[in-house]
Amino acid sequence: MKTIALVAHDAKKDDLIAWAQANRAVLARHRLYATGTTGGRLIAATGLDVTPLKSGPLGGDAQIGAMIAEGRVDALVFFIDPLSALPHDVDVKSLLRLATLYNTLLAMNEATATAIFKGPLEEDDPQ
């Protein structure tokens, strides 16, 4: 069982929800954390056991960053909206910097997230 953090910008939340629904069986075998709004939507749409943290701009990005620095996150799935300016861009950059620094699996789009779950995180699959 791995620990996976799930984050999505507002314009990408629907994409993350759809991806999570398509990958529900694999996600269900792991410990899941998500920033506030994303977590609530994931729980409602998928029924997955997700621990919601604070909203990203209100400290959720920092909470996940701290978990990464403590070695408590195995993968970060962060669907980023590259076309929107974000008031909390500094928090986003810090979170991505920590994931890079601590060599954490990092997916910033559906293609990469799917590739990760078809490889390193699927190795725990008992089937």
C-alpha atoms as a PDB file:
ATOM      1  CA  MET A   1       0.000   0.000   0.000  1.00  0.00           C
ATOM      2  CA  LYS A   2       1.361   3.380  -1.056  1.00  0.00           C
ATOM      3  CA  THR A   3       0.373   6.900  -0.059  1.00  0.00           C
ATOM      4  CA  ILE A   4      -0.884   9.039  -2.913  1.00  0.00           C
ATOM      5  CA  ALA A   5      -1.702  12.748  -2.820  1.00  0.00           C
ATOM      6  CA  LEU A   6      -4.289  14.011  -5.302  1.00  0.00           C
ATOM      7  CA  VAL A   7      -4.579  17.678  -6.269  1.00  0.00           C
ATOM      8  CA  ALA A   8      -6.283  19.510  -9.138  1.00  0.00           C
ATOM      9  CA  HIS A   9      -6.723  23.115 -10.107  1.00  0.00           C
ATOM     10  CA  ASP A  10     -10.347  24.239 -10.517  1.00  0.00           C
ATOM     11  CA  ALA A  11     -10.340  23.886 -14.312  1.00  0.00           C
ATOM     12  CA  LYS A  12      -8.886  20.357 -14.000  1.00  0.00           C
ATOM     13  CA  LYS A  13     -11.010  18.941 -11.170  1.00  0.00           C
ATOM     14  CA  ASP A  14     -13.464  17.279 -13.573  1.00  0.00           C
ATOM     15  CA  ASP A  15     -10.518  15.673 -15.408  1.00  0.00           C
ATOM     16  CA  LEU A  16      -9.072  14.317 -12.155  1.00  0.00           C
ATOM     17  CA  ILE A  17     -12.479  12.991 -11.076  1.00  0.00           C
ATOM     18  CA  ALA A  18     -12.927  11.195 -14.420  1.00  0.00           C
ATOM     19  CA  TRP A  19      -9.396   9.774 -14.188  1.00  0.00           C
ATOM     20  CA  ALA A  20     -10.012   8.600 -10.605  1.00  0.00           C
ATOM     21  CA  GLN A  21     -13.269   6.922 -11.622  1.00  0.00           C
ATOM     22  CA  ALA A  22     -11.464   5.088 -14.431  1.00  0.00           C
ATOM     23  CA  ASN A  23      -8.684   4.033 -12.042  1.00  0.00           C
ATOM     24  CA  ARG A  24     -10.822   3.440  -8.963  1.00  0.00           C
ATOM     25  CA  ALA A  25      -9.792  -0.195  -8.463  1.00  0.00           C
ATOM     26  CA  VAL A  26      -6.084   0.670  -8.315  1.00  0.00           C
ATOM     27  CA  LEU A  27      -6.614   3.796  -6.189  1.00  0.00           C
ATOM     28  CA  ALA A  28      -8.734   1.844  -3.685  1.00  0.00           C
ATOM     29  CA  ARG A  29      -5.676  -0.230  -2.737  1.00  0.00           C
ATOM     30  CA  HIS A  30      -3.734   2.820  -1.533  1.00  0.00           C
ATOM     31  CA  ARG A  31      -3.868   5.523   1.161  1.00  0.00           C
ATOM     32  CA  LEU A  32      -5.260   8.654  -0.473  1.00  0.00           C
ATOM     33  CA  TYR A  33      -4.939  12.292   0.552  1.00  0.00           C
ATOM     34  CA  ALA A  34      -6.259  15.302  -1.338  1.00  0.00           C
ATOM     35  CA  THR A  35      -6.569  19.021  -0.951  1.00  0.00           C
ATOM     36  CA  GLY A  36      -9.953  20.128   0.405  1.00  0.00           C
ATOM     37  CA  THR A  37     -12.300  20.721  -2.511  1.00  0.00           C
ATOM     38  CA  THR A  38     -10.675  18.054  -4.662  1.00  0.00           C
ATOM     39  CA  GLY A  39     -10.935  15.544  -1.821  1.00  0.00           C
ATOM     40  CA  GLY A  40     -14.611  16.246  -1.239  1.00  0.00           C
ATOM     41  CA  ARG A  41     -15.399  15.869  -4.921  1.00  0.00           C
ATOM     42  CA  LEU A  42     -13.370  12.642  -5.172  1.00  0.00           C
ATOM     43  CA  ILE A  43     -15.224  11.115  -2.228  1.00  0.00           C
ATOM     44  CA  ALA A  44     -18.629  12.112  -3.632  1.00  0.00           C
ATOM     45  CA  ALA A  45     -17.897  10.911  -7.165  1.00  0.00           C
ATOM     46  CA  THR A  46     -15.956   7.714  -6.467  1.00  0.00           C
ATOM     47  CA  GLY A  47     -16.719   6.596  -2.916  1.00  0.00           C
ATOM     48  CA  LEU A  48     -12.972   6.213  -2.354  1.00  0.00           C
ATOM     49  CA  ASP A  49     -11.549   6.577   1.154  1.00  0.00           C
ATOM     50  CA  VAL A  50      -9.785   9.934   0.755  1.00  0.00           C
ATOM     51  CA  THR A  51      -8.433  12.014   3.632  1.00  0.00           C
ATOM     52  CA  PRO A  52      -9.178  15.629   2.728  1.00  0.00           C
ATOM     53  CA  LEU A  53      -6.699  18.276   3.844  1.00  0.00           C
ATOM     54  CA  LYS A  54      -7.105  22.044   3.697  1.00  0.00           C
ATOM     55  CA  SER A  55      -7.914  23.750   0.418  1.00  0.00           C
ATOM     56  CA  GLY A  56      -4.762  24.277  -1.665  1.00  0.00           C
ATOM     57  CA  PRO A  57      -4.613  28.078  -1.302  1.00  0.00           C
ATOM     58  CA  LEU A  58      -5.431  27.816   2.418  1.00  0.00           C
ATOM     59  CA  GLY A  59      -2.528  25.513   3.249  1.00  0.00           C
ATOM     60  CA  GLY A  60      -3.390  22.177   1.613  1.00  0.00           C
ATOM     61  CA  ASP A  61      -0.513  22.445  -0.869  1.00  0.00           C
ATOM     62  CA  ALA A  62       1.812  23.150   2.071  1.00  0.00           C
ATOM     63  CA  GLN A  63       0.405  20.178   4.024  1.00  0.00           C
ATOM     64  CA  ILE A  64       1.147  17.840   1.142  1.00  0.00           C
ATOM     65  CA  GLY A  65       4.569  19.430   0.695  1.00  0.00           C
ATOM     66  CA  ALA A  66       5.345  18.735   4.356  1.00  0.00           C
ATOM     67  CA  MET A  67       4.222  15.126   3.955  1.00  0.00           C
ATOM     68  CA  ILE A  68       6.551  14.771   0.959  1.00  0.00           C
ATOM     69  CA  ALA A  69       9.463  16.266   2.931  1.00  0.00           C
ATOM     70  CA  GLU A  70       8.761  13.795   5.746  1.00  0.00           C
ATOM     71  CA  GLY A  71       8.828  10.864   3.310  1.00  0.00           C
ATOM     72  CA  ARG A  72       5.124  10.139   3.797  1.00  0.00           C
ATOM     73  CA  VAL A  73       3.982  10.468   0.149  1.00  0.00           C
ATOM     74  CA  ASP A  74       4.917   7.951  -2.541  1.00  0.00           C
ATOM     75  CA  ALA A  75       3.226   9.721  -5.451  1.00  0.00           C
ATOM     76  CA  LEU A  76       1.716  13.111  -6.210  1.00  0.00           C
ATOM     77  CA  VAL A  77      -0.963  13.366  -8.889  1.00  0.00           C
ATOM     78  CA  PHE A  78      -1.446  17.087  -9.534  1.00  0.00           C
ATOM     79  CA  PHE A  79      -3.585  18.001 -12.528  1.00  0.00           C
ATOM     80  CA  ILE A  80      -2.392  21.530 -13.247  1.00  0.00           C
ATOM     81  CA  ASP A  81      -4.180  24.094 -15.383  1.00  0.00           C
ATOM     82  CA  PRO A  82      -1.303  25.606 -17.376  1.00  0.00           C
ATOM     83  CA  LEU A  83      -3.521  28.340 -18.863  1.00  0.00           C
ATOM     84  CA  SER A  84      -4.767  29.986 -15.662  1.00  0.00           C
ATOM     85  CA  ALA A  85      -2.907  32.471 -13.520  1.00  0.00           C
ATOM     86  CA  LEU A  86      -3.087  31.385  -9.901  1.00  0.00           C
ATOM     87  CA  PRO A  87      -2.935  33.692  -6.883  1.00  0.00           C
ATOM     88  CA  HIS A  88      -1.222  30.925  -4.892  1.00  0.00           C
ATOM     89  CA  ASP A  89       1.331  30.123  -7.603  1.00  0.00           C
ATOM     90  CA  VAL A  90       4.140  30.286  -5.026  1.00  0.00           C
ATOM     91  CA  ASP A  91       2.536  27.402  -3.088  1.00  0.00           C
ATOM     92  CA  VAL A  92       2.164  25.351  -6.264  1.00  0.00           C
ATOM     93  CA  LYS A  93       5.794  25.898  -7.230  1.00  0.00           C
ATOM     94  CA  SER A  94       6.916  24.973  -3.727  1.00  0.00           C
ATOM     95  CA  LEU A  95       4.925  21.732  -3.825  1.00  0.00           C
ATOM     96  CA  LEU A  96       6.362  20.781  -7.216  1.00  0.00           C
ATOM     97  CA  ARG A  97       9.869  21.706  -6.051  1.00  0.00           C
ATOM     98  CA  LEU A  98       9.527  19.435  -2.998  1.00  0.00           C
ATOM     99  CA  ALA A  99       8.233  16.543  -5.111  1.00  0.00           C
ATOM    100  CA  THR A 100      11.238  16.968  -7.391  1.00  0.00           C
ATOM    101  CA  LEU A 101      13.735  17.387  -4.549  1.00  0.00           C
ATOM    102  CA  TYR A 102      12.545  14.273  -2.725  1.00  0.00           C
ATOM    103  CA  ASN A 103      12.294  12.195  -5.916  1.00  0.00           C
ATOM    104  CA  THR A 104       8.563  11.611  -5.503  1.00  0.00           C
ATOM    105  CA  LEU A 105       6.592  10.093  -8.367  1.00  0.00           C
ATOM    106  CA  LEU A 106       4.886  13.100  -9.949  1.00  0.00           C
ATOM    107  CA  ALA A 107       2.111  13.181 -12.531  1.00  0.00           C
ATOM    108  CA  MET A 108       0.836  16.513 -13.781  1.00  0.00           C
ATOM    109  CA  ASN A 109      -1.536  15.193 -16.434  1.00  0.00           C
ATOM    110  CA  GLU A 110      -3.702  12.187 -17.204  1.00  0.00           C
ATOM    111  CA  ALA A 111      -1.205  10.489 -19.515  1.00  0.00           C
ATOM    112  CA  THR A 112       1.550  10.492 -16.898  1.00  0.00           C
ATOM    113  CA  ALA A 113      -0.778   9.510 -14.057  1.00  0.00           C
ATOM    114  CA  THR A 114      -2.041   6.551 -16.068  1.00  0.00           C
ATOM    115  CA  ALA A 115       1.518   5.497 -16.945  1.00  0.00           C
ATOM    116  CA  ILE A 116       2.543   5.595 -13.274  1.00  0.00           C
ATOM    117  CA  PHE A 117      -0.437   3.499 -12.235  1.00  0.00           C
ATOM    118  CA  LYS A 118       0.265   0.973 -14.969  1.00  0.00           C
ATOM    119  CA  GLY A 119       3.823   0.637 -13.637  1.00  0.00           C
ATOM    120  CA  PRO A 120       5.309   1.428 -10.218  1.00  0.00           C
ATOM    121  CA  LEU A 121       2.066   1.704  -8.242  1.00  0.00           C
ATOM    122  CA  GLU A 122       0.420  -1.307  -9.836  1.00  0.00           C
ATOM    123  CA  GLU A 123       3.265  -3.542  -8.611  1.00  0.00           C
ATOM    124  CA  ASP A 124       1.369  -3.852  -5.327  1.00  0.00           C
ATOM    125  CA  ASP A 125      -1.509  -5.446  -7.253  1.00  0.00           C
ATOM    126  CA  PRO A 126      -2.206  -8.833  -5.634  1.00  0.00           C
ATOM    127  CA  GLN A 127      -3.660 -10.227  -8.894  1.00  0.00           C
END
